[in-house]
N, C-alpha and C. Protein backbone atom coordinates (compact mmCIF):
# COMPACT_ATOMS: atom_id res chain seq x y z
N MET A 1 113.02 111.38 106.50
CA MET A 1 112.11 110.83 107.50
C MET A 1 112.77 110.99 108.88
N ALA A 2 112.01 111.37 109.85
CA ALA A 2 112.52 111.60 111.19
C ALA A 2 112.75 110.29 111.94
N ASN A 3 113.73 110.30 112.82
CA ASN A 3 114.09 109.10 113.56
C ASN A 3 113.33 108.97 114.88
N PHE A 4 113.10 110.06 115.60
CA PHE A 4 112.36 110.07 116.87
C PHE A 4 112.93 109.11 117.92
N PRO A 5 114.22 109.20 118.25
CA PRO A 5 114.79 108.27 119.23
C PRO A 5 114.19 108.43 120.63
N GLU A 6 113.59 109.60 120.93
CA GLU A 6 113.02 109.79 122.27
C GLU A 6 111.88 108.83 122.56
N ILE A 7 111.30 108.24 121.53
CA ILE A 7 110.20 107.29 121.75
C ILE A 7 110.71 106.07 122.51
N LYS A 8 112.00 105.76 122.39
CA LYS A 8 112.57 104.63 123.11
C LYS A 8 112.28 104.68 124.60
N THR A 9 112.27 105.88 125.17
CA THR A 9 112.08 106.02 126.61
C THR A 9 110.67 106.47 126.96
N GLY A 10 109.83 106.66 125.96
CA GLY A 10 108.46 107.05 126.20
C GLY A 10 108.25 108.53 125.92
N THR A 11 107.06 108.87 125.50
CA THR A 11 106.72 110.27 125.24
C THR A 11 105.80 110.74 126.36
N ILE A 12 104.51 110.64 126.18
CA ILE A 12 103.57 111.03 127.24
C ILE A 12 103.64 110.04 128.40
N PHE A 13 103.70 108.76 128.09
CA PHE A 13 103.77 107.70 129.08
C PHE A 13 105.11 107.00 128.94
N SER A 14 105.52 106.26 129.97
CA SER A 14 106.79 105.53 129.89
C SER A 14 106.72 104.50 128.76
N ALA A 15 107.88 104.06 128.33
CA ALA A 15 107.96 103.11 127.21
C ALA A 15 107.38 101.74 127.56
N GLY A 16 107.25 101.42 128.81
CA GLY A 16 106.65 100.15 129.19
C GLY A 16 107.62 99.00 129.15
N VAL A 17 107.09 97.82 128.88
CA VAL A 17 107.87 96.59 128.88
C VAL A 17 107.85 95.98 127.48
N LEU A 18 108.80 95.11 127.23
CA LEU A 18 108.80 94.40 125.96
C LEU A 18 107.43 93.77 125.78
N ASN A 19 106.83 94.00 124.64
CA ASN A 19 105.45 93.60 124.39
C ASN A 19 105.25 92.09 124.60
N PRO A 20 104.38 91.70 125.55
CA PRO A 20 104.15 90.28 125.78
C PRO A 20 103.45 89.57 124.61
N TYR A 21 102.94 90.36 123.66
CA TYR A 21 102.32 89.79 122.46
C TYR A 21 103.31 89.76 121.31
N GLY A 22 104.59 89.83 121.61
CA GLY A 22 105.64 89.92 120.61
C GLY A 22 105.62 88.83 119.55
N GLU A 23 105.05 87.68 119.87
CA GLU A 23 104.98 86.61 118.87
C GLU A 23 104.10 87.00 117.69
N PHE A 24 103.29 88.04 117.83
CA PHE A 24 102.40 88.50 116.77
C PHE A 24 102.92 89.77 116.10
N PHE A 25 104.20 90.06 116.29
CA PHE A 25 104.84 91.26 115.74
C PHE A 25 106.13 90.89 115.03
N VAL A 26 106.51 91.72 114.06
CA VAL A 26 107.83 91.66 113.44
C VAL A 26 108.61 92.80 114.06
N GLY A 27 109.77 92.53 114.65
CA GLY A 27 110.55 93.56 115.32
C GLY A 27 110.09 93.76 116.75
N ASP A 28 110.81 94.63 117.46
CA ASP A 28 110.52 94.84 118.87
C ASP A 28 109.54 95.99 119.08
N THR A 29 108.63 95.78 120.03
CA THR A 29 107.68 96.81 120.45
C THR A 29 107.60 96.76 121.97
N ASP A 30 107.24 97.91 122.54
CA ASP A 30 107.02 97.99 123.99
C ASP A 30 105.55 98.31 124.23
N LEU A 31 105.02 97.79 125.32
CA LEU A 31 103.62 98.01 125.68
C LEU A 31 103.53 98.57 127.09
N THR A 32 102.75 99.63 127.24
CA THR A 32 102.39 100.17 128.54
C THR A 32 100.88 100.04 128.68
N ASN A 33 100.42 99.14 129.55
CA ASN A 33 98.99 99.05 129.82
C ASN A 33 98.61 100.26 130.67
N LEU A 34 97.70 101.08 130.17
CA LEU A 34 97.36 102.33 130.86
C LEU A 34 96.17 102.17 131.79
N VAL A 35 95.07 101.61 131.28
CA VAL A 35 93.86 101.49 132.09
C VAL A 35 92.91 100.51 131.41
N THR A 36 92.05 99.92 132.20
CA THR A 36 90.99 99.05 131.70
C THR A 36 89.66 99.63 132.18
N SER A 37 88.66 99.57 131.33
CA SER A 37 87.35 100.09 131.71
C SER A 37 86.82 99.32 132.93
N PRO A 38 85.91 99.94 133.71
CA PRO A 38 85.39 99.26 134.91
C PRO A 38 84.76 97.90 134.62
N ASP A 39 84.16 97.74 133.45
CA ASP A 39 83.57 96.45 133.11
C ASP A 39 84.58 95.51 132.45
N GLU A 40 85.83 95.95 132.35
CA GLU A 40 86.95 95.18 131.79
C GLU A 40 86.74 94.78 130.34
N LYS A 41 85.90 95.51 129.61
CA LYS A 41 85.66 95.21 128.20
C LYS A 41 86.51 96.05 127.26
N ILE A 42 87.14 97.12 127.78
CA ILE A 42 87.96 98.00 126.95
C ILE A 42 89.32 98.16 127.62
N GLY A 43 90.38 97.89 126.85
CA GLY A 43 91.73 98.10 127.32
C GLY A 43 92.36 99.26 126.59
N ILE A 44 93.16 100.03 127.30
CA ILE A 44 93.85 101.16 126.70
C ILE A 44 95.33 101.01 127.01
N GLY A 45 96.14 101.03 125.96
CA GLY A 45 97.57 100.87 126.13
C GLY A 45 98.34 101.72 125.15
N SER A 46 99.57 102.03 125.51
CA SER A 46 100.48 102.76 124.64
C SER A 46 101.48 101.75 124.06
N VAL A 47 101.64 101.76 122.75
CA VAL A 47 102.55 100.84 122.08
C VAL A 47 103.62 101.64 121.35
N SER A 48 104.89 101.32 121.62
CA SER A 48 106.02 101.95 120.95
C SER A 48 106.64 100.91 120.01
N PHE A 49 106.86 101.32 118.76
CA PHE A 49 107.42 100.43 117.73
C PHE A 49 108.80 100.93 117.34
N GLU A 50 109.79 100.04 117.30
CA GLU A 50 111.09 100.44 116.76
C GLU A 50 110.96 100.55 115.24
N PRO A 51 111.88 101.26 114.59
CA PRO A 51 111.79 101.38 113.13
C PRO A 51 111.67 100.00 112.46
N GLY A 52 110.73 99.91 111.53
CA GLY A 52 110.52 98.68 110.78
C GLY A 52 109.65 97.64 111.45
N SER A 53 109.26 97.86 112.70
CA SER A 53 108.43 96.85 113.37
C SER A 53 106.95 97.08 113.09
N ARG A 54 106.20 96.01 113.15
CA ARG A 54 104.77 96.07 112.86
C ARG A 54 104.09 94.83 113.43
N ASN A 55 102.78 94.94 113.61
CA ASN A 55 102.06 93.75 114.07
C ASN A 55 101.58 92.94 112.87
N ASN A 56 101.18 91.72 113.16
CA ASN A 56 100.62 90.86 112.12
C ASN A 56 99.25 91.40 111.71
N TRP A 57 98.78 90.91 110.59
CA TRP A 57 97.39 91.14 110.23
C TRP A 57 96.56 90.61 111.39
N HIS A 58 95.47 91.28 111.71
CA HIS A 58 94.60 90.81 112.78
C HIS A 58 93.21 91.39 112.62
N ILE A 59 92.28 90.77 113.34
CA ILE A 59 90.87 91.17 113.33
C ILE A 59 90.41 91.28 114.78
N HIS A 60 89.63 92.31 115.07
CA HIS A 60 88.99 92.43 116.38
C HIS A 60 87.55 91.94 116.24
N HIS A 61 87.22 90.91 117.00
CA HIS A 61 85.87 90.34 116.97
C HIS A 61 85.06 90.88 118.14
N ASP A 62 83.80 91.19 117.88
CA ASP A 62 82.89 91.70 118.91
C ASP A 62 83.45 92.96 119.57
N GLY A 63 84.05 93.82 118.74
CA GLY A 63 84.63 95.04 119.28
C GLY A 63 85.17 95.94 118.20
N TYR A 64 86.25 96.62 118.52
CA TYR A 64 86.84 97.61 117.62
C TYR A 64 88.21 97.98 118.16
N GLN A 65 88.91 98.84 117.41
CA GLN A 65 90.16 99.41 117.90
C GLN A 65 90.27 100.84 117.40
N ILE A 66 90.64 101.73 118.30
CA ILE A 66 90.89 103.13 117.97
C ILE A 66 92.36 103.40 118.25
N LEU A 67 93.05 103.98 117.29
CA LEU A 67 94.46 104.33 117.45
C LEU A 67 94.60 105.85 117.49
N LEU A 68 95.35 106.34 118.46
CA LEU A 68 95.66 107.75 118.59
C LEU A 68 97.18 107.88 118.49
N VAL A 69 97.67 108.46 117.40
CA VAL A 69 99.11 108.52 117.16
C VAL A 69 99.74 109.63 118.00
N ASN A 70 100.72 109.26 118.82
CA ASN A 70 101.42 110.20 119.72
C ASN A 70 102.69 110.76 119.11
N ALA A 71 103.43 109.93 118.38
CA ALA A 71 104.76 110.36 117.93
C ALA A 71 105.25 109.45 116.82
N GLY A 72 106.20 109.97 116.07
CA GLY A 72 106.84 109.18 115.03
C GLY A 72 106.02 109.09 113.77
N GLU A 73 106.42 108.13 112.94
CA GLU A 73 105.76 107.92 111.65
C GLU A 73 105.49 106.44 111.46
N GLY A 74 104.28 106.12 111.01
CA GLY A 74 103.90 104.73 110.87
C GLY A 74 102.95 104.49 109.73
N TRP A 75 102.46 103.25 109.68
CA TRP A 75 101.54 102.79 108.64
C TRP A 75 100.33 102.14 109.29
N TYR A 76 99.20 102.23 108.58
CA TYR A 76 97.98 101.49 108.92
C TYR A 76 97.40 101.01 107.61
N GLN A 77 96.97 99.75 107.58
CA GLN A 77 96.38 99.23 106.36
C GLN A 77 95.26 98.25 106.68
N GLU A 78 94.15 98.42 105.98
CA GLU A 78 93.06 97.45 106.01
C GLU A 78 93.17 96.58 104.78
N GLU A 79 92.77 95.35 104.90
CA GLU A 79 92.85 94.41 103.78
C GLU A 79 92.12 94.97 102.56
N GLY A 80 92.78 94.93 101.40
CA GLY A 80 92.19 95.39 100.16
C GLY A 80 92.27 96.88 99.94
N GLN A 81 92.86 97.61 100.89
CA GLN A 81 92.99 99.07 100.78
C GLN A 81 94.47 99.45 100.76
N PRO A 82 94.81 100.61 100.20
CA PRO A 82 96.20 101.06 100.27
C PRO A 82 96.60 101.42 101.70
N ALA A 83 97.86 101.27 102.03
CA ALA A 83 98.36 101.65 103.35
C ALA A 83 98.25 103.16 103.53
N GLN A 84 97.93 103.59 104.75
CA GLN A 84 97.84 105.01 105.09
C GLN A 84 99.05 105.41 105.92
N SER A 85 99.69 106.49 105.55
CA SER A 85 100.79 107.04 106.33
C SER A 85 100.23 107.72 107.57
N LEU A 86 100.88 107.49 108.73
CA LEU A 86 100.42 108.06 109.99
C LEU A 86 101.50 108.92 110.63
N THR A 87 101.09 110.05 111.21
CA THR A 87 101.98 110.91 111.98
C THR A 87 101.23 111.42 113.20
N LYS A 88 101.96 112.07 114.10
CA LYS A 88 101.42 112.59 115.35
C LYS A 88 100.11 113.33 115.12
N GLY A 89 99.11 112.98 115.90
CA GLY A 89 97.79 113.61 115.81
C GLY A 89 96.79 112.86 114.95
N ASP A 90 97.25 111.87 114.18
CA ASP A 90 96.32 111.08 113.36
C ASP A 90 95.52 110.13 114.24
N THR A 91 94.31 109.82 113.80
CA THR A 91 93.45 108.87 114.49
C THR A 91 92.92 107.86 113.49
N ILE A 92 92.74 106.65 113.95
CA ILE A 92 92.22 105.56 113.13
C ILE A 92 91.13 104.85 113.93
N VAL A 93 90.03 104.51 113.26
CA VAL A 93 88.99 103.68 113.87
C VAL A 93 88.87 102.42 113.01
N THR A 94 89.12 101.28 113.63
CA THR A 94 88.97 99.99 112.96
C THR A 94 87.71 99.33 113.50
N ARG A 95 86.81 99.05 112.62
CA ARG A 95 85.53 98.47 113.03
C ARG A 95 85.62 96.96 113.23
N ASP A 96 84.64 96.44 113.89
CA ASP A 96 84.54 95.01 114.18
C ASP A 96 84.70 94.18 112.89
N GLY A 97 85.57 93.18 112.96
CA GLY A 97 85.71 92.23 111.86
C GLY A 97 86.59 92.67 110.70
N VAL A 98 87.23 93.84 110.78
CA VAL A 98 88.06 94.34 109.68
C VAL A 98 89.51 93.86 109.86
N LYS A 99 90.02 93.16 108.86
CA LYS A 99 91.40 92.68 108.89
C LYS A 99 92.33 93.86 108.60
N HIS A 100 93.35 94.04 109.46
CA HIS A 100 94.24 95.20 109.34
C HIS A 100 95.57 94.94 110.03
N TRP A 101 96.51 95.86 109.84
CA TRP A 101 97.77 95.86 110.58
C TRP A 101 98.23 97.31 110.75
N HIS A 102 99.18 97.53 111.66
CA HIS A 102 99.78 98.85 111.86
C HIS A 102 101.18 98.70 112.43
N GLY A 103 102.01 99.71 112.18
CA GLY A 103 103.37 99.66 112.69
C GLY A 103 104.19 100.85 112.23
N ALA A 104 105.46 100.81 112.55
CA ALA A 104 106.39 101.90 112.26
C ALA A 104 106.84 101.89 110.80
N LYS A 105 107.23 103.06 110.32
CA LYS A 105 107.90 103.13 109.03
C LYS A 105 109.32 102.59 109.19
N LYS A 106 109.98 102.32 108.07
CA LYS A 106 111.30 101.70 108.09
C LYS A 106 112.34 102.49 108.87
N ASP A 107 112.27 103.82 108.78
CA ASP A 107 113.31 104.67 109.35
C ASP A 107 112.82 105.54 110.50
N SER A 108 111.73 105.15 111.15
CA SER A 108 111.18 105.98 112.22
C SER A 108 110.61 105.14 113.34
N TRP A 109 110.85 105.59 114.56
CA TRP A 109 110.11 105.07 115.69
C TRP A 109 108.67 105.50 115.53
N PHE A 110 107.75 104.83 116.22
CA PHE A 110 106.33 105.13 116.10
C PHE A 110 105.66 104.78 117.43
N GLU A 111 104.72 105.61 117.85
CA GLU A 111 104.00 105.32 119.08
C GLU A 111 102.53 105.69 118.93
N HIS A 112 101.66 104.82 119.41
CA HIS A 112 100.23 105.14 119.43
C HIS A 112 99.60 104.61 120.71
N ILE A 113 98.48 105.22 121.05
CA ILE A 113 97.62 104.69 122.10
C ILE A 113 96.56 103.86 121.39
N ALA A 114 96.36 102.64 121.88
CA ALA A 114 95.35 101.75 121.32
C ALA A 114 94.22 101.58 122.33
N ILE A 115 93.02 101.88 121.89
CA ILE A 115 91.81 101.67 122.69
C ILE A 115 91.11 100.48 122.05
N THR A 116 91.04 99.38 122.77
CA THR A 116 90.65 98.12 122.15
C THR A 116 89.53 97.44 122.93
N ALA A 117 88.50 97.02 122.18
CA ALA A 117 87.41 96.24 122.74
C ALA A 117 87.26 94.97 121.91
N GLY A 118 86.84 93.92 122.53
CA GLY A 118 86.64 92.66 121.81
C GLY A 118 87.85 91.77 121.91
N THR A 119 87.81 90.72 121.12
CA THR A 119 88.86 89.71 121.13
C THR A 119 89.64 89.74 119.83
N PRO A 120 90.99 89.88 119.90
CA PRO A 120 91.77 89.87 118.67
C PRO A 120 91.97 88.45 118.14
N GLU A 121 91.95 88.35 116.83
CA GLU A 121 92.35 87.11 116.15
C GLU A 121 93.62 87.46 115.39
N TRP A 122 94.75 86.90 115.83
CA TRP A 122 96.03 87.19 115.20
C TRP A 122 96.22 86.28 114.00
N LEU A 123 96.64 86.89 112.90
CA LEU A 123 96.78 86.18 111.63
C LEU A 123 98.22 86.21 111.16
N GLU A 124 98.44 86.08 109.86
CA GLU A 124 99.78 86.00 109.30
C GLU A 124 100.52 87.34 109.39
N PRO A 125 101.86 87.28 109.41
CA PRO A 125 102.64 88.51 109.38
C PRO A 125 102.45 89.25 108.05
N VAL A 126 102.63 90.56 108.09
CA VAL A 126 102.71 91.35 106.86
C VAL A 126 104.02 90.93 106.19
N SER A 127 103.96 90.55 104.94
CA SER A 127 105.17 90.05 104.28
C SER A 127 106.21 91.15 104.16
N ASP A 128 107.49 90.77 104.20
CA ASP A 128 108.56 91.75 104.00
C ASP A 128 108.43 92.42 102.65
N ALA A 129 108.05 91.67 101.63
CA ALA A 129 107.92 92.24 100.28
C ALA A 129 106.84 93.33 100.25
N ASP A 130 105.69 93.07 100.87
CA ASP A 130 104.61 94.07 100.91
C ASP A 130 105.02 95.27 101.74
N TYR A 131 105.65 95.03 102.89
CA TYR A 131 106.08 96.14 103.74
C TYR A 131 107.17 96.97 103.06
N ASP A 132 108.14 96.31 102.45
CA ASP A 132 109.25 97.02 101.80
C ASP A 132 108.79 97.84 100.59
N ALA A 133 107.64 97.49 100.03
CA ALA A 133 107.12 98.23 98.87
C ALA A 133 106.47 99.56 99.26
N LEU A 134 106.22 99.76 100.56
CA LEU A 134 105.60 101.01 101.01
C LEU A 134 106.60 102.16 100.97
N VAL A 135 106.15 103.29 100.48
CA VAL A 135 107.03 104.48 100.41
C VAL A 135 106.32 105.69 100.98
């Protein structure tokens, strides 16, 4: 598995700042807010994950989330479904009300652009046992 240390300093966009939503993540992530739609209903940001980091399970209400993978290797999982391996060029569309999580693989940095509409509901962390079982 590739390490991708260059993600630490940013790929297309700078690495940003320590994620202000860090309380909803396991491990460290950086966030670069890129742009907000004119009506302020859609936010676009670049998120960099250190190896092994991931966000909690969460749901987007009255909206959606689109992920565009820029670099590294990561995971995406919807509740009740197997986790999907992600690499550069992959895209994910999470529909309104779907419980899910995403983050880096154990041995790789990971970066994606998140296009997000609606209000997130942050839930429980992905358990270490469930995350460690992913291969």
